[in-house]
Amino acid sequence: MKEIESMINSIGNALPTISVTDIIDIALVTILVYYVIMKIRNTSANRIVKAIILLLAVTLLTDIFKLHTMHFLLNRVLELGVVALVIVFQPELRKLLERVGGQSLRDLVTKPVTSDESMVTIRETVEACDNMSKERVGALIVFERINSLEQIAHTGTKVNAEVSQELIRNIFFPKAALHDGAMIISNNRITAAGCVLPLTENRNLSSDLGTRHRAGIGMSENSDALVIIVSEETGAISVATEGMLKRGLTVETLRKMLEQEFTNSEQKESVFDRIKKIGRKENDSDAEA
């Protein structure tokens, strides 16, 4: 236990010498670690990170209890582990770089979108989803946020049209040429349709989720986009964001969620926190009725 006491004493002696620069440095590292944890918490890398933390803890214990041979071996493993981590986390690192690189200068100079324009887009989209849900017409609609979806748009057909429920329903009509792909909505315009989305690599998803839902989840994992999915089999409306899927949304919940997401820039809550609040309000209203 002398090592722990020595560590505590070292920390105590170092506190008076901490400068503003040190505080900024620590804060930046903390934010970086938090960001990485948030990005991998719902991926297969989550289990690997837990194993690494356990390995570090065991290495520390071998040092404290003077298990020299084991400590030596674990140190060698950790030294070689840097290269191994780059290989193991290659998909996650690629996705992270794609998301960071997706924030282009275009986002800094694009004309701000007004709340009125967003409300029209939301109204038309929700009405289209409502009708497609009743008619059991499958749909996959991707709303661009900060990360550019230009590369995804290139996989489909350029549209560049105003958002209207008639156009959305025509694009996803079962016999239409573009109905199997995804629609991209950016800055309140339908920029492309028939686009190909990356499928999720999450193996813990329900087996009843089809390709359309897996593509929506995959898109939300690779970008900050919000994806609306209408099931062709059941007509259920779902939303994918941040690698998570919320299923069985009512039309009113979808409308309120989109309104809060795209017309109130001051909201800092996560999308699913808002969905929960909306759901609670609906339950309260039903109880009062």
C-alpha atoms as a PDB file:
ATOM      1  CA  MET A   1       0.000   0.000   0.000  1.00  0.00           C
ATOM      2  CA  LYS A   2       3.038   2.257   0.095  1.00  0.00           C
ATOM      3  CA  GLU A   3       2.687   2.907  -3.623  1.00  0.00           C
ATOM      4  CA  ILE A   4      -0.846   4.227  -3.139  1.00  0.00           C
ATOM      5  CA  GLU A   5       0.265   6.484  -0.264  1.00  0.00           C
ATOM      6  CA  SER A   6       3.146   7.732  -2.383  1.00  0.00           C
ATOM      7  CA  MET A   7       0.751   8.463  -5.237  1.00  0.00           C
ATOM      8  CA  ILE A   8      -1.590  10.415  -2.950  1.00  0.00           C
ATOM      9  CA  ASN A   9       1.334  12.418  -1.572  1.00  0.00           C
ATOM     10  CA  SER A  10       2.557  13.185  -5.091  1.00  0.00           C
ATOM     11  CA  ILE A  11      -0.876  14.437  -6.080  1.00  0.00           C
ATOM     12  CA  GLY A  12      -1.055  16.585  -2.961  1.00  0.00           C
ATOM     13  CA  ASN A  13       2.342  18.113  -3.680  1.00  0.00           C
ATOM     14  CA  ALA A  14       1.416  18.792  -7.313  1.00  0.00           C
ATOM     15  CA  LEU A  15      -1.857  20.597  -6.602  1.00  0.00           C
ATOM     16  CA  PRO A  16      -0.303  23.974  -5.669  1.00  0.00           C
ATOM     17  CA  THR A  17       1.685  24.002  -8.935  1.00  0.00           C
ATOM     18  CA  ILE A  18      -1.327  23.488 -11.243  1.00  0.00           C
ATOM     19  CA  SER A  19      -1.757  26.392 -13.670  1.00  0.00           C
ATOM     20  CA  VAL A  20      -4.611  27.528 -15.897  1.00  0.00           C
ATOM     21  CA  THR A  21      -2.950  25.754 -18.824  1.00  0.00           C
ATOM     22  CA  ASP A  22      -2.939  22.501 -16.864  1.00  0.00           C
ATOM     23  CA  ILE A  23      -6.641  22.867 -16.101  1.00  0.00           C
ATOM     24  CA  ILE A  24      -7.428  23.460 -19.786  1.00  0.00           C
ATOM     25  CA  ASP A  25      -5.282  20.467 -20.708  1.00  0.00           C
ATOM     26  CA  ILE A  26      -7.098  18.210 -18.239  1.00  0.00           C
ATOM     27  CA  ALA A  27     -10.497  19.489 -19.390  1.00  0.00           C
ATOM     28  CA  LEU A  28      -9.690  18.778 -23.046  1.00  0.00           C
ATOM     29  CA  VAL A  29      -8.532  15.247 -22.247  1.00  0.00           C
ATOM     30  CA  THR A  30     -11.686  14.662 -20.181  1.00  0.00           C
ATOM     31  CA  ILE A  31     -13.917  15.856 -23.024  1.00  0.00           C
ATOM     32  CA  LEU A  32     -12.032  13.669 -25.505  1.00  0.00           C
ATOM     33  CA  VAL A  33     -12.356  10.569 -23.321  1.00  0.00           C
ATOM     34  CA  TYR A  34     -16.066  11.267 -22.740  1.00  0.00           C
ATOM     35  CA  TYR A  35     -16.634  11.726 -26.485  1.00  0.00           C
ATOM     36  CA  VAL A  36     -14.910   8.442 -27.301  1.00  0.00           C
ATOM     37  CA  ILE A  37     -16.897   6.582 -24.633  1.00  0.00           C
ATOM     38  CA  MET A  38     -20.182   7.984 -25.955  1.00  0.00           C
ATOM     39  CA  LYS A  39     -19.316   6.933 -29.498  1.00  0.00           C
ATOM     40  CA  ILE A  40     -18.421   3.341 -28.675  1.00  0.00           C
ATOM     41  CA  ARG A  41     -20.912   2.591 -25.912  1.00  0.00           C
ATOM     42  CA  ASN A  42     -23.382   0.938 -28.307  1.00  0.00           C
ATOM     43  CA  THR A  43     -20.832  -0.789 -30.534  1.00  0.00           C
ATOM     44  CA  SER A  44     -18.933  -4.055 -30.430  1.00  0.00           C
ATOM     45  CA  ALA A  45     -15.894  -2.065 -29.247  1.00  0.00           C
ATOM     46  CA  ASN A  46     -17.621  -1.576 -25.904  1.00  0.00           C
ATOM     47  CA  ARG A  47     -16.710  -5.096 -24.753  1.00  0.00           C
ATOM     48  CA  ILE A  48     -13.103  -4.625 -25.883  1.00  0.00           C
ATOM     49  CA  VAL A  49     -12.770  -1.411 -23.889  1.00  0.00           C
ATOM     50  CA  LYS A  50     -14.039  -3.188 -20.765  1.00  0.00           C
ATOM     51  CA  ALA A  51     -11.418  -5.903 -21.296  1.00  0.00           C
ATOM     52  CA  ILE A  52      -8.681  -3.281 -21.651  1.00  0.00           C
ATOM     53  CA  ILE A  53      -9.756  -1.532 -18.432  1.00  0.00           C
ATOM     54  CA  LEU A  54      -9.699  -4.887 -16.643  1.00  0.00           C
ATOM     55  CA  LEU A  55      -6.215  -5.562 -18.037  1.00  0.00           C
ATOM     56  CA  LEU A  56      -4.975  -2.200 -16.769  1.00  0.00           C
ATOM     57  CA  ALA A  57      -6.438  -2.882 -13.332  1.00  0.00           C
ATOM     58  CA  VAL A  58      -4.751  -6.296 -13.166  1.00  0.00           C
ATOM     59  CA  THR A  59      -1.448  -4.743 -14.247  1.00  0.00           C
ATOM     60  CA  LEU A  60      -1.706  -2.196 -11.436  1.00  0.00           C
ATOM     61  CA  LEU A  61      -2.464  -4.932  -8.906  1.00  0.00           C
ATOM     62  CA  THR A  62       0.534  -6.994 -10.026  1.00  0.00           C
ATOM     63  CA  ASP A  63       2.726  -3.949  -9.399  1.00  0.00           C
ATOM     64  CA  ILE A  64       1.230  -3.320  -5.961  1.00  0.00           C
ATOM     65  CA  PHE A  65       1.624  -6.960  -4.855  1.00  0.00           C
ATOM     66  CA  LYS A  66       5.118  -7.298  -6.381  1.00  0.00           C
ATOM     67  CA  LEU A  67       4.219 -10.021  -8.890  1.00  0.00           C
ATOM     68  CA  HIS A  68       7.211  -9.134 -11.032  1.00  0.00           C
ATOM     69  CA  THR A  69       6.949 -11.789 -13.741  1.00  0.00           C
ATOM     70  CA  MET A  70       3.246 -11.224 -14.345  1.00  0.00           C
ATOM     71  CA  HIS A  71       3.750  -7.464 -14.243  1.00  0.00           C
ATOM     72  CA  PHE A  72       6.539  -7.721 -16.831  1.00  0.00           C
ATOM     73  CA  LEU A  73       4.388  -9.805 -19.178  1.00  0.00           C
ATOM     74  CA  LEU A  74       1.369  -7.522 -18.852  1.00  0.00           C
ATOM     75  CA  ASN A  75       3.517  -4.457 -19.545  1.00  0.00           C
ATOM     76  CA  ARG A  76       4.764  -6.054 -22.763  1.00  0.00           C
ATOM     77  CA  VAL A  77       1.196  -6.850 -23.755  1.00  0.00           C
ATOM     78  CA  LEU A  78       0.168  -3.238 -23.147  1.00  0.00           C
ATOM     79  CA  GLU A  79       3.095  -1.917 -25.177  1.00  0.00           C
ATOM     80  CA  LEU A  80       2.142  -4.069 -28.149  1.00  0.00           C
ATOM     81  CA  GLY A  81      -1.529  -3.301 -27.565  1.00  0.00           C
ATOM     82  CA  VAL A  82      -1.314   0.135 -29.181  1.00  0.00           C
ATOM     83  CA  VAL A  83      -0.832  -1.411 -32.612  1.00  0.00           C
ATOM     84  CA  ALA A  84      -3.485  -4.018 -31.865  1.00  0.00           C
ATOM     85  CA  LEU A  85      -5.968  -1.318 -30.887  1.00  0.00           C
ATOM     86  CA  VAL A  86      -5.520   0.503 -34.190  1.00  0.00           C
ATOM     87  CA  ILE A  87      -6.280  -2.741 -36.016  1.00  0.00           C
ATOM     88  CA  VAL A  88      -9.210  -3.769 -33.811  1.00  0.00           C
ATOM     89  CA  PHE A  89     -10.811  -0.312 -33.748  1.00  0.00           C
ATOM     90  CA  GLN A  90     -10.232   0.369 -37.439  1.00  0.00           C
ATOM     91  CA  PRO A  91     -13.989   0.454 -38.291  1.00  0.00           C
ATOM     92  CA  GLU A  92     -14.771   2.746 -35.335  1.00  0.00           C
ATOM     93  CA  LEU A  93     -11.820   5.041 -36.119  1.00  0.00           C
ATOM     94  CA  ARG A  94     -12.919   5.263 -39.741  1.00  0.00           C
ATOM     95  CA  LYS A  95     -16.477   6.166 -38.730  1.00  0.00           C
ATOM     96  CA  LEU A  96     -15.197   8.782 -36.263  1.00  0.00           C
ATOM     97  CA  LEU A  97     -12.988  10.431 -38.889  1.00  0.00           C
ATOM     98  CA  GLU A  98     -15.835  10.373 -41.408  1.00  0.00           C
ATOM     99  CA  ARG A  99     -18.116  12.145 -38.944  1.00  0.00           C
ATOM    100  CA  VAL A 100     -15.510  14.777 -38.092  1.00  0.00           C
ATOM    101  CA  GLY A 101     -14.598  15.263 -41.754  1.00  0.00           C
ATOM    102  CA  GLY A 102     -18.259  15.586 -42.677  1.00  0.00           C
ATOM    103  CA  GLN A 103     -18.420  19.033 -41.072  1.00  0.00           C
ATOM    104  CA  SER A 104     -17.401  21.118 -44.053  1.00  0.00           C
ATOM    105  CA  LEU A 105     -17.027  24.845 -44.623  1.00  0.00           C
ATOM    106  CA  ARG A 106     -20.397  24.662 -46.348  1.00  0.00           C
ATOM    107  CA  ASP A 107     -22.031  24.486 -42.929  1.00  0.00           C
ATOM    108  CA  LEU A 108     -20.466  27.824 -41.975  1.00  0.00           C
ATOM    109  CA  VAL A 109     -21.747  29.762 -44.985  1.00  0.00           C
ATOM    110  CA  THR A 110     -25.094  28.069 -45.696  1.00  0.00           C
ATOM    111  CA  LYS A 111     -28.102  30.364 -45.434  1.00  0.00           C
ATOM    112  CA  PRO A 112     -29.789  29.819 -42.065  1.00  0.00           C
ATOM    113  CA  VAL A 113     -33.024  27.879 -42.265  1.00  0.00           C
ATOM    114  CA  THR A 114     -36.024  29.645 -40.766  1.00  0.00           C
ATOM    115  CA  SER A 115     -38.514  28.016 -38.419  1.00  0.00           C
ATOM    116  CA  ASP A 116     -41.320  28.595 -40.947  1.00  0.00           C
ATOM    117  CA  GLU A 117     -39.447  26.644 -43.626  1.00  0.00           C
ATOM    118  CA  SER A 118     -38.721  23.847 -41.176  1.00  0.00           C
ATOM    119  CA  MET A 119     -42.360  23.676 -40.097  1.00  0.00           C
ATOM    120  CA  VAL A 120     -43.471  23.214 -43.707  1.00  0.00           C
ATOM    121  CA  THR A 121     -40.888  20.438 -44.182  1.00  0.00           C
ATOM    122  CA  ILE A 122     -41.986  18.732 -40.966  1.00  0.00           C
ATOM    123  CA  ARG A 123     -45.684  19.004 -41.790  1.00  0.00           C
ATOM    124  CA  GLU A 124     -45.268  17.548 -45.269  1.00  0.00           C
ATOM    125  CA  THR A 125     -42.975  14.771 -44.064  1.00  0.00           C
ATOM    126  CA  VAL A 126     -45.239  13.751 -41.180  1.00  0.00           C
ATOM    127  CA  GLU A 127     -48.342  13.722 -43.381  1.00  0.00           C
ATOM    128  CA  ALA A 128     -46.517  11.586 -45.945  1.00  0.00           C
ATOM    129  CA  CYS A 129     -45.359   9.164 -43.225  1.00  0.00           C
ATOM    130  CA  ASP A 130     -48.893   8.991 -41.829  1.00  0.00           C
ATOM    131  CA  ASN A 131     -50.342   8.031 -45.216  1.00  0.00           C
ATOM    132  CA  MET A 132     -47.537   5.593 -46.029  1.00  0.00           C
ATOM    133  CA  SER A 133     -47.960   3.968 -42.618  1.00  0.00           C
ATOM    134  CA  LYS A 134     -51.675   3.416 -43.236  1.00  0.00           C
ATOM    135  CA  GLU A 135     -51.013   2.075 -46.737  1.00  0.00           C
ATOM    136  CA  ARG A 136     -48.080  -0.135 -45.600  1.00  0.00           C
ATOM    137  CA  VAL A 137     -45.640   1.585 -47.938  1.00  0.00           C
ATOM    138  CA  GLY A 138     -42.001   1.293 -46.863  1.00  0.00           C
ATOM    139  CA  ALA A 139     -39.941   4.479 -46.574  1.00  0.00           C
ATOM    140  CA  LEU A 140     -36.475   5.581 -45.488  1.00  0.00           C
ATOM    141  CA  ILE A 141     -36.019   9.332 -44.974  1.00  0.00           C
ATOM    142  CA  VAL A 142     -32.705  10.802 -43.804  1.00  0.00           C
ATOM    143  CA  PHE A 143     -32.551  14.314 -42.324  1.00  0.00           C
ATOM    144  CA  GLU A 144     -29.109  15.895 -42.612  1.00  0.00           C
ATOM    145  CA  ARG A 145     -27.830  17.743 -39.562  1.00  0.00           C
ATOM    146  CA  ILE A 146     -24.239  19.007 -39.227  1.00  0.00           C
ATOM    147  CA  ASN A 147     -22.396  16.158 -40.930  1.00  0.00           C
ATOM    148  CA  SER A 148     -22.554  16.459 -44.702  1.00  0.00           C
ATOM    149  CA  LEU A 149     -24.365  13.622 -46.499  1.00  0.00           C
ATOM    150  CA  GLU A 150     -23.077  14.626 -49.912  1.00  0.00           C
ATOM    151  CA  GLN A 151     -21.268  11.314 -50.462  1.00  0.00           C
ATOM    152  CA  ILE A 152     -24.409   9.367 -49.568  1.00  0.00           C
ATOM    153  CA  ALA A 153     -26.460  11.562 -51.923  1.00  0.00           C
ATOM    154  CA  HIS A 154     -24.089  10.661 -54.778  1.00  0.00           C
ATOM    155  CA  THR A 155     -25.128   6.993 -54.460  1.00  0.00           C
ATOM    156  CA  GLY A 156     -28.668   7.897 -55.534  1.00  0.00           C
ATOM    157  CA  THR A 157     -30.446  10.191 -57.975  1.00  0.00           C
ATOM    158  CA  LYS A 158     -30.282  13.953 -57.590  1.00  0.00           C
ATOM    159  CA  VAL A 159     -33.701  15.514 -56.948  1.00  0.00           C
ATOM    160  CA  ASN A 160     -33.213  19.037 -55.495  1.00  0.00           C
ATOM    161  CA  ALA A 161     -36.902  19.742 -54.933  1.00  0.00           C
ATOM    162  CA  GLU A 162     -39.086  21.278 -52.272  1.00  0.00           C
ATOM    163  CA  VAL A 163     -40.419  18.887 -49.663  1.00  0.00           C
ATOM    164  CA  SER A 164     -44.011  17.862 -50.301  1.00  0.00           C
ATOM    165  CA  GLN A 165     -46.001  14.852 -49.181  1.00  0.00           C
ATOM    166  CA  GLU A 166     -47.038  14.135 -52.778  1.00  0.00           C
ATOM    167  CA  LEU A 167     -43.422  13.921 -53.948  1.00  0.00           C
ATOM    168  CA  ILE A 168     -42.373  11.804 -50.947  1.00  0.00           C
ATOM    169  CA  ARG A 169     -45.217   9.353 -51.530  1.00  0.00           C
ATOM    170  CA  ASN A 170     -44.509   9.184 -55.266  1.00  0.00           C
ATOM    171  CA  ILE A 171     -40.828   8.424 -54.646  1.00  0.00           C
ATOM    172  CA  PHE A 172     -41.633   5.601 -52.224  1.00  0.00           C
ATOM    173  CA  PHE A 173     -44.527   4.206 -54.282  1.00  0.00           C
ATOM    174  CA  PRO A 174     -43.794   0.451 -54.517  1.00  0.00           C
ATOM    175  CA  LYS A 175     -43.509   0.461 -58.323  1.00  0.00           C
ATOM    176  CA  ALA A 176     -41.401   3.643 -58.487  1.00  0.00           C
ATOM    177  CA  ALA A 177     -37.782   3.337 -59.618  1.00  0.00           C
ATOM    178  CA  LEU A 178     -36.359   4.928 -56.439  1.00  0.00           C
ATOM    179  CA  HIS A 179     -38.605   3.364 -53.797  1.00  0.00           C
ATOM    180  CA  ASP A 180     -36.021   0.873 -52.486  1.00  0.00           C
ATOM    181  CA  GLY A 181     -33.414   3.500 -51.585  1.00  0.00           C
ATOM    182  CA  ALA A 182     -33.238   6.303 -49.039  1.00  0.00           C
ATOM    183  CA  MET A 183     -34.326   9.916 -49.433  1.00  0.00           C
ATOM    184  CA  ILE A 184     -32.003  12.688 -48.245  1.00  0.00           C
ATOM    185  CA  ILE A 185     -33.507  15.923 -46.915  1.00  0.00           C
ATOM    186  CA  SER A 186     -31.040  18.779 -46.440  1.00  0.00           C
ATOM    187  CA  ASN A 187     -31.795  22.434 -45.692  1.00  0.00           C
ATOM    188  CA  ASN A 188     -35.512  21.772 -46.175  1.00  0.00           C
ATOM    189  CA  ARG A 189     -35.079  20.341 -49.666  1.00  0.00           C
ATOM    190  CA  ILE A 190     -35.137  16.808 -51.002  1.00  0.00           C
ATOM    191  CA  THR A 191     -31.605  16.620 -52.367  1.00  0.00           C
ATOM    192  CA  ALA A 192     -31.532  12.982 -53.521  1.00  0.00           C
ATOM    193  CA  ALA A 193     -33.489   9.726 -53.535  1.00  0.00           C
ATOM    194  CA  GLY A 194     -32.744   6.069 -54.139  1.00  0.00           C
ATOM    195  CA  CYS A 195     -29.587   6.410 -52.036  1.00  0.00           C
ATOM    196  CA  VAL A 196     -27.644   3.486 -50.580  1.00  0.00           C
ATOM    197  CA  LEU A 197     -27.025   3.612 -46.820  1.00  0.00           C
ATOM    198  CA  PRO A 198     -24.417   1.665 -44.824  1.00  0.00           C
ATOM    199  CA  LEU A 199     -25.856  -1.266 -42.883  1.00  0.00           C
ATOM    200  CA  THR A 200     -25.285  -1.430 -39.150  1.00  0.00           C
ATOM    201  CA  GLU A 201     -22.691  -3.873 -37.802  1.00  0.00           C
ATOM    202  CA  ASN A 202     -24.549  -4.208 -34.504  1.00  0.00           C
ATOM    203  CA  ARG A 203     -25.268  -7.916 -33.959  1.00  0.00           C
ATOM    204  CA  ASN A 204     -27.482  -7.363 -30.930  1.00  0.00           C
ATOM    205  CA  LEU A 205     -30.467  -6.080 -32.889  1.00  0.00           C
ATOM    206  CA  SER A 206     -33.798  -7.859 -32.963  1.00  0.00           C
ATOM    207  CA  SER A 207     -34.011 -10.532 -35.668  1.00  0.00           C
ATOM    208  CA  ASP A 208     -37.295  -9.103 -36.954  1.00  0.00           C
ATOM    209  CA  LEU A 209     -35.594  -5.928 -38.198  1.00  0.00           C
ATOM    210  CA  GLY A 210     -35.224  -5.910 -41.960  1.00  0.00           C
ATOM    211  CA  THR A 211     -32.720  -4.275 -44.277  1.00  0.00           C
ATOM    212  CA  ARG A 212     -34.514  -0.920 -44.228  1.00  0.00           C
ATOM    213  CA  HIS A 213     -34.257  -0.621 -40.441  1.00  0.00           C
ATOM    214  CA  ARG A 214     -30.648  -1.860 -40.385  1.00  0.00           C
ATOM    215  CA  ALA A 215     -29.732   0.708 -43.030  1.00  0.00           C
ATOM    216  CA  GLY A 216     -31.383   3.464 -40.998  1.00  0.00           C
ATOM    217  CA  ILE A 217     -29.487   2.465 -37.856  1.00  0.00           C
ATOM    218  CA  GLY A 218     -26.250   2.193 -39.839  1.00  0.00           C
ATOM    219  CA  MET A 219     -26.716   5.703 -41.211  1.00  0.00           C
ATOM    220  CA  SER A 220     -27.252   7.061 -37.698  1.00  0.00           C
ATOM    221  CA  GLU A 221     -24.081   5.292 -36.538  1.00  0.00           C
ATOM    222  CA  ASN A 222     -21.969   6.780 -39.333  1.00  0.00           C
ATOM    223  CA  SER A 223     -23.296  10.338 -39.049  1.00  0.00           C
ATOM    224  CA  ASP A 224     -25.387  12.601 -36.832  1.00  0.00           C
ATOM    225  CA  ALA A 225     -28.355  12.236 -39.199  1.00  0.00           C
ATOM    226  CA  LEU A 226     -31.891  11.567 -38.010  1.00  0.00           C
ATOM    227  CA  VAL A 227     -33.549   8.757 -39.969  1.00  0.00           C
ATOM    228  CA  ILE A 228     -37.265   8.016 -40.242  1.00  0.00           C
ATOM    229  CA  ILE A 229     -38.235   4.468 -41.196  1.00  0.00           C
ATOM    230  CA  VAL A 230     -41.730   3.323 -42.195  1.00  0.00           C
ATOM    231  CA  SER A 231     -42.116  -0.442 -42.146  1.00  0.00           C
ATOM    232  CA  GLU A 232     -43.535  -2.037 -45.275  1.00  0.00           C
ATOM    233  CA  GLU A 233     -44.717  -5.099 -43.315  1.00  0.00           C
ATOM    234  CA  THR A 234     -46.411  -3.440 -40.329  1.00  0.00           C
ATOM    235  CA  GLY A 235     -46.662   0.242 -41.210  1.00  0.00           C
ATOM    236  CA  ALA A 236     -44.901   1.107 -37.933  1.00  0.00           C
ATOM    237  CA  ILE A 237     -42.972   4.378 -37.826  1.00  0.00           C
ATOM    238  CA  SER A 238     -39.491   4.340 -36.280  1.00  0.00           C
ATOM    239  CA  VAL A 239     -36.682   6.839 -35.801  1.00  0.00           C
ATOM    240  CA  ALA A 240     -32.962   6.045 -35.737  1.00  0.00           C
ATOM    241  CA  THR A 241     -30.388   8.425 -34.311  1.00  0.00           C
ATOM    242  CA  GLU A 242     -26.995   8.023 -32.631  1.00  0.00           C
ATOM    243  CA  GLY A 243     -27.082   4.297 -33.387  1.00  0.00           C
ATOM    244  CA  MET A 244     -30.335   3.803 -31.477  1.00  0.00           C
ATOM    245  CA  LEU A 245     -33.791   2.901 -32.782  1.00  0.00           C
ATOM    246  CA  LYS A 246     -37.107   4.019 -31.334  1.00  0.00           C
ATOM    247  CA  ARG A 247     -39.950   1.951 -32.741  1.00  0.00           C
ATOM    248  CA  GLY A 248     -43.720   2.293 -32.900  1.00  0.00           C
ATOM    249  CA  LEU A 249     -43.982   6.087 -32.813  1.00  0.00           C
ATOM    250  CA  THR A 250     -47.366   7.731 -33.189  1.00  0.00           C
ATOM    251  CA  VAL A 251     -47.741  10.409 -35.843  1.00  0.00           C
ATOM    252  CA  GLU A 252     -48.168  13.061 -33.164  1.00  0.00           C
ATOM    253  CA  THR A 253     -45.000  11.943 -31.367  1.00  0.00           C
ATOM    254  CA  LEU A 254     -43.079  12.067 -34.639  1.00  0.00           C
ATOM    255  CA  ARG A 255     -44.355  15.581 -35.361  1.00  0.00           C
ATOM    256  CA  LYS A 256     -43.501  16.950 -31.925  1.00  0.00           C
ATOM    257  CA  MET A 257     -40.083  15.318 -31.970  1.00  0.00           C
ATOM    258  CA  LEU A 258     -39.200  16.809 -35.370  1.00  0.00           C
ATOM    259  CA  GLU A 259     -40.483  20.221 -34.309  1.00  0.00           C
ATOM    260  CA  GLN A 260     -38.330  20.225 -31.200  1.00  0.00           C
ATOM    261  CA  GLU A 261     -35.329  18.884 -33.110  1.00  0.00           C
ATOM    262  CA  PHE A 262     -35.326  21.208 -36.120  1.00  0.00           C
ATOM    263  CA  THR A 263     -37.116  24.396 -35.044  1.00  0.00           C
ATOM    264  CA  ASN A 264     -35.630  24.938 -31.561  1.00  0.00           C
ATOM    265  CA  SER A 265     -31.856  25.282 -31.806  1.00  0.00           C
ATOM    266  CA  GLU A 266     -31.585  26.070 -28.101  1.00  0.00           C
ATOM    267  CA  GLN A 267     -32.740  22.569 -27.105  1.00  0.00           C
ATOM    268  CA  LYS A 268     -29.742  20.543 -25.896  1.00  0.00           C
ATOM    269  CA  GLU A 269     -31.521  17.367 -24.856  1.00  0.00           C
ATOM    270  CA  SER A 270     -30.979  14.176 -26.800  1.00  0.00           C
ATOM    271  CA  VAL A 271     -33.667  13.138 -29.274  1.00  0.00           C
ATOM    272  CA  PHE A 272     -34.727  10.139 -27.206  1.00  0.00           C
ATOM    273  CA  ASP A 273     -35.048  12.251 -24.049  1.00  0.00           C
ATOM    274  CA  ARG A 274     -37.537  14.360 -25.976  1.00  0.00           C
ATOM    275  CA  ILE A 275     -39.407  11.299 -27.201  1.00  0.00           C
ATOM    276  CA  LYS A 276     -39.732  10.081 -23.608  1.00  0.00           C
ATOM    277  CA  LYS A 277     -41.110  13.468 -22.514  1.00  0.00           C
ATOM    278  CA  ILE A 278     -43.606  13.501 -25.380  1.00  0.00           C
ATOM    279  CA  GLY A 279     -44.657   9.937 -24.529  1.00  0.00           C
ATOM    280  CA  ARG A 280     -45.177  10.860 -20.880  1.00  0.00           C
ATOM    281  CA  LYS A 281     -47.336  13.831 -21.874  1.00  0.00           C
ATOM    282  CA  GLU A 282     -49.463  11.612 -24.129  1.00  0.00           C
ATOM    283  CA  ASN A 283     -49.885   9.055 -21.341  1.00  0.00           C
ATOM    284  CA  ASP A 284     -50.890  11.815 -18.913  1.00  0.00           C
ATOM    285  CA  SER A 285     -53.441  13.108 -21.403  1.00  0.00           C
ATOM    286  CA  ASP A 286     -54.890   9.617 -21.881  1.00  0.00           C
ATOM    287  CA  ALA A 287     -55.110   9.148 -18.117  1.00  0.00           C
ATOM    288  CA  GLU A 288     -56.943  12.461 -17.686  1.00  0.00           C
ATOM    289  CA  ALA A 289     -59.368  11.499 -20.459  1.00  0.00           C
END
